Structure formats: structure tokens, C-alpha cells
PDB file of N, CA and C in Angstrom:
ATOM      1  N   UNK A   1     137.875 120.689 102.791  1.00  0.00           N
ATOM      2  CA  UNK A   1     137.503 120.930 104.166  1.00  0.00           C
ATOM      3  C   UNK A   1     136.160 121.659 104.204  1.00  0.00           C
ATOM      4  N   UNK A   2     135.210 121.099 104.905  1.00  0.00           N
ATOM      5  CA  UNK A   2     133.901 121.744 104.994  1.00  0.00           C
ATOM      6  C   UNK A   2     133.761 122.442 106.341  1.00  0.00           C
ATOM      7  N   UNK A   3     133.012 123.530 106.329  1.00  0.00           N
ATOM      8  CA  UNK A   3     132.749 124.294 107.544  1.00  0.00           C
ATOM      9  C   UNK A   3     131.374 123.885 108.051  1.00  0.00           C
ATOM     10  N   UNK A   4     131.310 123.526 109.319  1.00  0.00           N
ATOM     11  CA  UNK A   4     130.048 123.096 109.915  1.00  0.00           C
ATOM     12  C   UNK A   4     129.299 124.294 110.495  1.00  0.00           C
ATOM     13  N   UNK A   5     127.984 124.214 110.478  1.00  0.00           N
ATOM     14  CA  UNK A   5     127.136 125.224 111.101  1.00  0.00           C
ATOM     15  C   UNK A   5     127.245 125.038 112.611  1.00  0.00           C
ATOM     16  N   UNK A   6     127.626 126.063 113.340  1.00  0.00           N
ATOM     17  CA  UNK A   6     127.791 125.979 114.788  1.00  0.00           C
ATOM     18  C   UNK A   6     126.440 126.159 115.466  1.00  0.00           C
ATOM     19  N   UNK A   7     125.807 125.036 115.788  1.00  0.00           N
ATOM     20  CA  UNK A   7     124.468 125.073 116.389  1.00  0.00           C
ATOM     21  C   UNK A   7     124.487 125.501 117.847  1.00  0.00           C
ATOM     22  N   UNK A   8     125.671 125.687 118.415  1.00  0.00           N
ATOM     23  CA  UNK A   8     125.776 126.168 119.786  1.00  0.00           C
ATOM     24  C   UNK A   8     125.668 127.679 119.905  1.00  0.00           C
ATOM     25  N   UNK A   9     125.775 128.377 118.779  1.00  0.00           N
ATOM     26  CA  UNK A   9     125.696 129.839 118.807  1.00  0.00           C
ATOM     27  C   UNK A   9     124.244 130.294 118.958  1.00  0.00           C
ATOM     28  N   UNK A  10     124.007 131.296 119.805  1.00  0.00           N
ATOM     29  CA  UNK A  10     122.628 131.793 119.990  1.00  0.00           C
ATOM     30  C   UNK A  10     122.001 132.279 118.683  1.00  0.00           C
ATOM     31  N   UNK A  11     122.785 132.923 117.820  1.00  0.00           N
ATOM     32  CA  UNK A  11     122.223 133.423 116.558  1.00  0.00           C
ATOM     33  C   UNK A  11     121.751 132.279 115.671  1.00  0.00           C
ATOM     34  N   UNK A  12     122.516 131.207 115.613  1.00  0.00           N
ATOM     35  CA  UNK A  12     122.133 130.034 114.815  1.00  0.00           C
ATOM     36  C   UNK A  12     120.859 129.414 115.368  1.00  0.00           C
ATOM     37  N   UNK A  13     120.791 129.281 116.686  1.00  0.00           N
ATOM     38  CA  UNK A  13     119.599 128.694 117.318  1.00  0.00           C
ATOM     39  C   UNK A  13     118.370 129.572 117.083  1.00  0.00           C
ATOM     40  N   UNK A  14     118.543 130.898 117.152  1.00  0.00           N
ATOM     41  CA  UNK A  14     117.403 131.793 116.938  1.00  0.00           C
ATOM     42  C   UNK A  14     116.894 131.699 115.506  1.00  0.00           C
ATOM     43  N   UNK A  15     117.798 131.644 114.526  1.00  0.00           N
ATOM     44  CA  UNK A  15     117.368 131.489 113.129  1.00  0.00           C
ATOM     45  C   UNK A  15     116.663 130.149 112.954  1.00  0.00           C
ATOM     46  N   UNK A  16     117.169 129.084 113.582  1.00  0.00           N
ATOM     47  CA  UNK A  16     116.514 127.775 113.490  1.00  0.00           C
ATOM     48  C   UNK A  16     115.096 127.837 114.050  1.00  0.00           C
ATOM     49  N   UNK A  17     114.898 128.577 115.143  1.00  0.00           N
ATOM     50  CA  UNK A  17     113.563 128.737 115.720  1.00  0.00           C
ATOM     51  C   UNK A  17     112.652 129.481 114.750  1.00  0.00           C
ATOM     52  N   UNK A  18     113.176 130.530 114.114  1.00  0.00           N
ATOM     53  CA  UNK A  18     112.398 131.290 113.124  1.00  0.00           C
ATOM     54  C   UNK A  18     111.990 130.384 111.964  1.00  0.00           C
ATOM     55  N   UNK A  19     112.913 129.514 111.516  1.00  0.00           N
ATOM     56  CA  UNK A  19     112.598 128.575 110.429  1.00  0.00           C
ATOM     57  C   UNK A  19     111.511 127.599 110.876  1.00  0.00           C
ATOM     58  N   UNK A  20     111.702 127.011 112.048  1.00  0.00           N
ATOM     59  CA  UNK A  20     110.762 126.000 112.558  1.00  0.00           C
ATOM     60  C   UNK A  20     109.362 126.586 112.745  1.00  0.00           C
ATOM     61  N   UNK A  21     109.292 127.816 113.256  1.00  0.00           N
ATOM     62  CA  UNK A  21     107.993 128.446 113.518  1.00  0.00           C
ATOM     63  C   UNK A  21     107.429 129.163 112.297  1.00  0.00           C
ATOM     64  N   UNK A  22     108.170 129.134 111.181  1.00  0.00           N
ATOM     65  CA  UNK A  22     107.754 129.749 109.918  1.00  0.00           C
ATOM     66  C   UNK A  22     107.341 131.211 110.096  1.00  0.00           C
ATOM     67  N   UNK A  23     108.120 131.940 110.891  1.00  0.00           N
ATOM     68  CA  UNK A  23     107.846 133.354 111.115  1.00  0.00           C
ATOM     69  C   UNK A  23     108.336 134.181 109.933  1.00  0.00           C
ATOM     70  N   UNK A  24     107.599 135.238 109.641  1.00  0.00           N
ATOM     71  CA  UNK A  24     108.031 136.189 108.630  1.00  0.00           C
ATOM     72  C   UNK A  24     109.051 137.127 109.269  1.00  0.00           C
ATOM     73  N   UNK A  25     110.082 137.473 108.506  1.00  0.00           N
ATOM     74  CA  UNK A  25     111.145 138.324 109.023  1.00  0.00           C
ATOM     75  C   UNK A  25     111.413 139.494 108.091  1.00  0.00           C
ATOM     76  N   UNK A  26     112.091 140.495 108.644  1.00  0.00           N
ATOM     77  CA  UNK A  26     112.691 141.563 107.863  1.00  0.00           C
ATOM     78  C   UNK A  26     114.198 141.342 107.947  1.00  0.00           C
ATOM     79  N   UNK A  27     114.859 141.384 106.803  1.00  0.00           N
ATOM     80  CA  UNK A  27     116.301 141.194 106.741  1.00  0.00           C
ATOM     81  C   UNK A  27     116.908 142.418 106.069  1.00  0.00           C
ATOM     82  N   UNK A  28     117.682 143.177 106.816  1.00  0.00           N
ATOM     83  CA  UNK A  28     118.339 144.380 106.294  1.00  0.00           C
ATOM     84  C   UNK A  28     119.734 143.985 105.807  1.00  0.00           C
ATOM     85  N   UNK A  29     120.077 144.423 104.597  1.00  0.00           N
ATOM     86  CA  UNK A  29     121.375 144.111 104.018  1.00  0.00           C
ATOM     87  C   UNK A  29     122.294 145.325 104.074  1.00  0.00           C
ATOM     88  N   UNK A  30     123.581 145.082 103.970  1.00  0.00           N
ATOM     89  CA  UNK A  30     124.562 146.175 104.015  1.00  0.00           C
ATOM     90  C   UNK A  30     124.408 147.124 102.831  1.00  0.00           C
ATOM     91  N   UNK A  31     123.701 146.695 101.788  1.00  0.00           N
ATOM     92  CA  UNK A  31     123.434 147.560 100.631  1.00  0.00           C
ATOM     93  C   UNK A  31     122.309 148.551 100.912  1.00  0.00           C
ATOM     94  N   UNK A  32     121.613 148.340 102.033  1.00  0.00           N
ATOM     95  CA  UNK A  32     120.470 149.181 102.369  1.00  0.00           C
ATOM     96  C   UNK A  32     119.149 148.536 102.002  1.00  0.00           C
ATOM     97  N   UNK A  33     119.188 147.441 101.237  1.00  0.00           N
ATOM     98  CA  UNK A  33     117.965 146.739 100.857  1.00  0.00           C
ATOM     99  C   UNK A  33     117.322 146.106 102.089  1.00  0.00           C
ATOM    100  N   UNK A  34     115.999 146.032 102.079  1.00  0.00           N
ATOM    101  CA  UNK A  34     115.250 145.370 103.132  1.00  0.00           C
ATOM    102  C   UNK A  34     114.440 144.257 102.489  1.00  0.00           C
ATOM    103  N   UNK A  35     114.729 143.021 102.874  1.00  0.00           N
ATOM    104  CA  UNK A  35     114.003 141.864 102.357  1.00  0.00           C
ATOM    105  C   UNK A  35     112.970 141.439 103.392  1.00  0.00           C
ATOM    106  N   UNK A  36     111.820 141.000 102.919  1.00  0.00           N
ATOM    107  CA  UNK A  36     110.768 140.486 103.788  1.00  0.00           C
ATOM    108  C   UNK A  36     110.356 139.118 103.276  1.00  0.00           C
ATOM    109  N   UNK A  37     110.215 138.173 104.188  1.00  0.00           N
ATOM    110  CA  UNK A  37     109.792 136.837 103.812  1.00  0.00           C
ATOM    111  C   UNK A  37     110.044 135.851 104.930  1.00  0.00           C
ATOM    112  N   UNK A  38     110.067 134.574 104.561  1.00  0.00           N
ATOM    113  CA  UNK A  38     110.295 133.508 105.536  1.00  0.00           C
ATOM    114  C   UNK A  38     111.639 132.849 105.254  1.00  0.00           C
ATOM    115  N   UNK A  39     112.405 132.649 106.312  1.00  0.00           N
ATOM    116  CA  UNK A  39     113.694 131.979 106.173  1.00  0.00           C
ATOM    117  C   UNK A  39     113.417 130.494 105.964  1.00  0.00           C
ATOM    118  N   UNK A  40     114.003 129.922 104.919  1.00  0.00           N
ATOM    119  CA  UNK A  40     113.794 128.503 104.617  1.00  0.00           C
ATOM    120  C   UNK A  40     114.926 127.629 105.110  1.00  0.00           C
ATOM    121  N   UNK A  41     116.163 128.119 105.005  1.00  0.00           N
ATOM    122  CA  UNK A  41     117.305 127.335 105.476  1.00  0.00           C
ATOM    123  C   UNK A  41     118.486 128.255 105.727  1.00  0.00           C
ATOM    124  N   UNK A  42     119.462 127.700 106.436  1.00  0.00           N
ATOM    125  CA  UNK A  42     120.719 128.404 106.666  1.00  0.00           C
ATOM    126  C   UNK A  42     121.852 127.405 106.584  1.00  0.00           C
ATOM    127  N   UNK A  43     123.001 127.888 106.180  1.00  0.00           N
ATOM    128  CA  UNK A  43     124.224 127.099 106.221  1.00  0.00           C
ATOM    129  C   UNK A  43     125.321 128.011 106.756  1.00  0.00           C
ATOM    130  N   UNK A  44     126.545 127.550 106.874  1.00  0.00           N
ATOM    131  CA  UNK A  44     127.580 128.402 107.460  1.00  0.00           C
ATOM    132  C   UNK A  44     127.834 129.700 106.691  1.00  0.00           C
ATOM    133  N   UNK A  45     127.454 129.764 105.414  1.00  0.00           N
ATOM    134  CA  UNK A  45     127.770 130.924 104.595  1.00  0.00           C
ATOM    135  C   UNK A  45     126.555 131.764 104.200  1.00  0.00           C
ATOM    136  N   UNK A  46     125.396 131.138 104.065  1.00  0.00           N
ATOM    137  CA  UNK A  46     124.222 131.815 103.482  1.00  0.00           C
ATOM    138  C   UNK A  46     122.947 131.518 104.253  1.00  0.00           C
ATOM    139  N   UNK A  47     121.953 132.371 104.007  1.00  0.00           N
ATOM    140  CA  UNK A  47     120.591 132.167 104.497  1.00  0.00           C
ATOM    141  C   UNK A  47     119.666 132.353 103.295  1.00  0.00           C
ATOM    142  N   UNK A  48     118.679 131.477 103.153  1.00  0.00           N
ATOM    143  CA  UNK A  48     117.709 131.585 102.068  1.00  0.00           C
ATOM    144  C   UNK A  48     116.402 132.131 102.623  1.00  0.00           C
ATOM    145  N   UNK A  49     115.921 133.210 101.997  1.00  0.00           N
ATOM    146  CA  UNK A  49     114.653 133.809 102.395  1.00  0.00           C
ATOM    147  C   UNK A  49     113.697 133.732 101.197  1.00  0.00           C
ATOM    148  N   UNK A  50     112.468 133.295 101.465  1.00  0.00           N
ATOM    149  CA  UNK A  50     111.439 133.168 100.431  1.00  0.00           C
ATOM    150  C   UNK A  50     110.503 134.360 100.539  1.00  0.00           C
ATOM    151  N   UNK A  51     110.286 135.048  99.410  1.00  0.00           N
ATOM    152  CA  UNK A  51     109.414 136.226  99.421  1.00  0.00           C
ATOM    153  C   UNK A  51     107.946 135.816  99.290  1.00  0.00           C
ATOM    154  N   UNK A  52     107.076 136.804  99.178  1.00  0.00           N
ATOM    155  CA  UNK A  52     105.625 136.556  99.120  1.00  0.00           C
ATOM    156  C   UNK A  52     105.204 135.835  97.838  1.00  0.00           C
ATOM    157  N   UNK A  53     106.070 135.819  96.839  1.00  0.00           N
ATOM    158  CA  UNK A  53     105.788 135.122  95.578  1.00  0.00           C
ATOM    159  C   UNK A  53     106.442 133.751  95.543  1.00  0.00           C
ATOM    160  N   UNK A  54     106.935 133.295  96.688  1.00  0.00           N
ATOM    161  CA  UNK A  54     107.631 132.011  96.824  1.00  0.00           C
ATOM    162  C   UNK A  54     108.921 131.960  96.006  1.00  0.00           C
ATOM    163  N   UNK A  55     109.550 133.118  95.817  1.00  0.00           N
ATOM    164  CA  UNK A  55     110.822 133.203  95.103  1.00  0.00           C
ATOM    165  C   UNK A  55     111.955 133.230  96.136  1.00  0.00           C
ATOM    166  N   UNK A  56     112.934 132.338  95.994  1.00  0.00           N
ATOM    167  CA  UNK A  56     114.029 132.308  96.960  1.00  0.00           C
ATOM    168  C   UNK A  56     115.089 133.365  96.656  1.00  0.00           C
ATOM    169  N   UNK A  57     115.649 133.930  97.699  1.00  0.00           N
ATOM    170  CA  UNK A  57     116.818 134.799  97.598  1.00  0.00           C
ATOM    171  C   UNK A  57     117.852 134.240  98.561  1.00  0.00           C
ATOM    172  N   UNK A  58     119.025 133.929  98.041  1.00  0.00           N
ATOM    173  CA  UNK A  58     120.110 133.423  98.871  1.00  0.00           C
ATOM    174  C   UNK A  58     121.015 134.598  99.214  1.00  0.00           C
ATOM    175  N   UNK A  59     121.207 134.826 100.504  1.00  0.00           N
ATOM    176  CA  UNK A  59     121.945 135.983 100.993  1.00  0.00           C
ATOM    177  C   UNK A  59     123.191 135.515 101.730  1.00  0.00           C
ATOM    178  N   UNK A  60     124.334 136.087 101.391  1.00  0.00           N
ATOM    179  CA  UNK A  60     125.565 135.797 102.130  1.00  0.00           C
ATOM    180  C   UNK A  60     125.439 136.384 103.520  1.00  0.00           C
ATOM    181  N   UNK A  61     125.773 135.611 104.529  1.00  0.00           N
ATOM    182  CA  UNK A  61     125.668 136.071 105.921  1.00  0.00           C
ATOM    183  C   UNK A  61     126.419 137.377 106.156  1.00  0.00           C
ATOM    184  N   UNK A  62     127.573 137.520 105.522  1.00  0.00           N
ATOM    185  CA  UNK A  62     128.400 138.707 105.758  1.00  0.00           C
ATOM    186  C   UNK A  62     127.741 139.991 105.258  1.00  0.00           C
ATOM    187  N   UNK A  63     126.693 139.870 104.438  1.00  0.00           N
ATOM    188  CA  UNK A  63     126.013 141.066 103.936  1.00  0.00           C
ATOM    189  C   UNK A  63     124.782 141.437 104.770  1.00  0.00           C
ATOM    190  N   UNK A  64     124.479 140.654 105.800  1.00  0.00           N
ATOM    191  CA  UNK A  64     123.287 140.899 106.625  1.00  0.00           C
ATOM    192  C   UNK A  64     123.621 141.859 107.765  1.00  0.00           C
ATOM    193  N   UNK A  65     122.802 142.911 107.886  1.00  0.00           N
ATOM    194  CA  UNK A  65     122.939 143.857 108.986  1.00  0.00           C
ATOM    195  C   UNK A  65     122.117 143.367 110.164  1.00  0.00           C
ATOM    196  N   UNK A  66     120.846 142.980 109.893  1.00  0.00           N
ATOM    197  CA  UNK A  66     120.024 142.391 110.954  1.00  0.00           C
ATOM    198  C   UNK A  66     118.921 141.539 110.362  1.00  0.00           C
ATOM    199  N   UNK A  67     118.393 140.643 111.211  1.00  0.00           N
ATOM    200  CA  UNK A  67     117.216 139.832 110.897  1.00  0.00           C
ATOM    201  C   UNK A  67     116.297 139.973 112.093  1.00  0.00           C
ATOM    202  N   UNK A  68     115.047 140.386 111.842  1.00  0.00           N
ATOM    203  CA  UNK A  68     114.109 140.478 112.955  1.00  0.00           C
ATOM    204  C   UNK A  68     112.750 139.961 112.539  1.00  0.00           C
ATOM    205  N   UNK A  69     112.100 139.232 113.445  1.00  0.00           N
ATOM    206  CA  UNK A  69     110.744 138.740 113.169  1.00  0.00           C
ATOM    207  C   UNK A  69     109.787 139.919 113.020  1.00  0.00           C
ATOM    208  N   UNK A  70     108.861 139.812 112.074  1.00  0.00           N
ATOM    209  CA  UNK A  70     107.819 140.834 111.921  1.00  0.00           C
ATOM    210  C   UNK A  70     106.755 140.585 112.983  1.00  0.00           C
ATOM    211  N   UNK A  71     106.186 141.653 113.460  1.00  0.00           N
ATOM    212  CA  UNK A  71     105.148 141.553 114.492  1.00  0.00           C
ATOM    213  C   UNK A  71     103.795 141.498 113.855  1.00  0.00           C
TER     214      UNK A  71
END
């Protein structure tokens, strides 16, 4: 059984907009770490963020405290 990404949720739509517009974000994790980069993709369980060195980090959604676009 596969879980589908609920594209009707505002959070999913906002992340999709961030991906489409290639905005840089700050992502705070429950560990206290702060990641900075561009979101490349999302699925029902994870979000992939690419850092300034083009290195991907796959983050479990449940570990994310917040995601905000950098100004």
C-alpha cells in the first residue's frame, strides 16, 4: 500500500511553490540543526534539500520544526 502526497494541503502546495520558484529556505529540525538550501523534491515521508555545495540531505518530515523562505 502506497501513501499518496496530499496536494490539497496548504503545506504541500506551499512547498511545491518553493520548489517551483527555486527559493532558498531555512529548515529547522527537532535536533536543533538549521539547514539552508533549496528544496528539490518532497514525498509523503521526506523532503530533499540541496545545500550550497549541491549536496542533498533527505529529511524525514516528522523531524522538521519549520521551513521558511530566506529573504
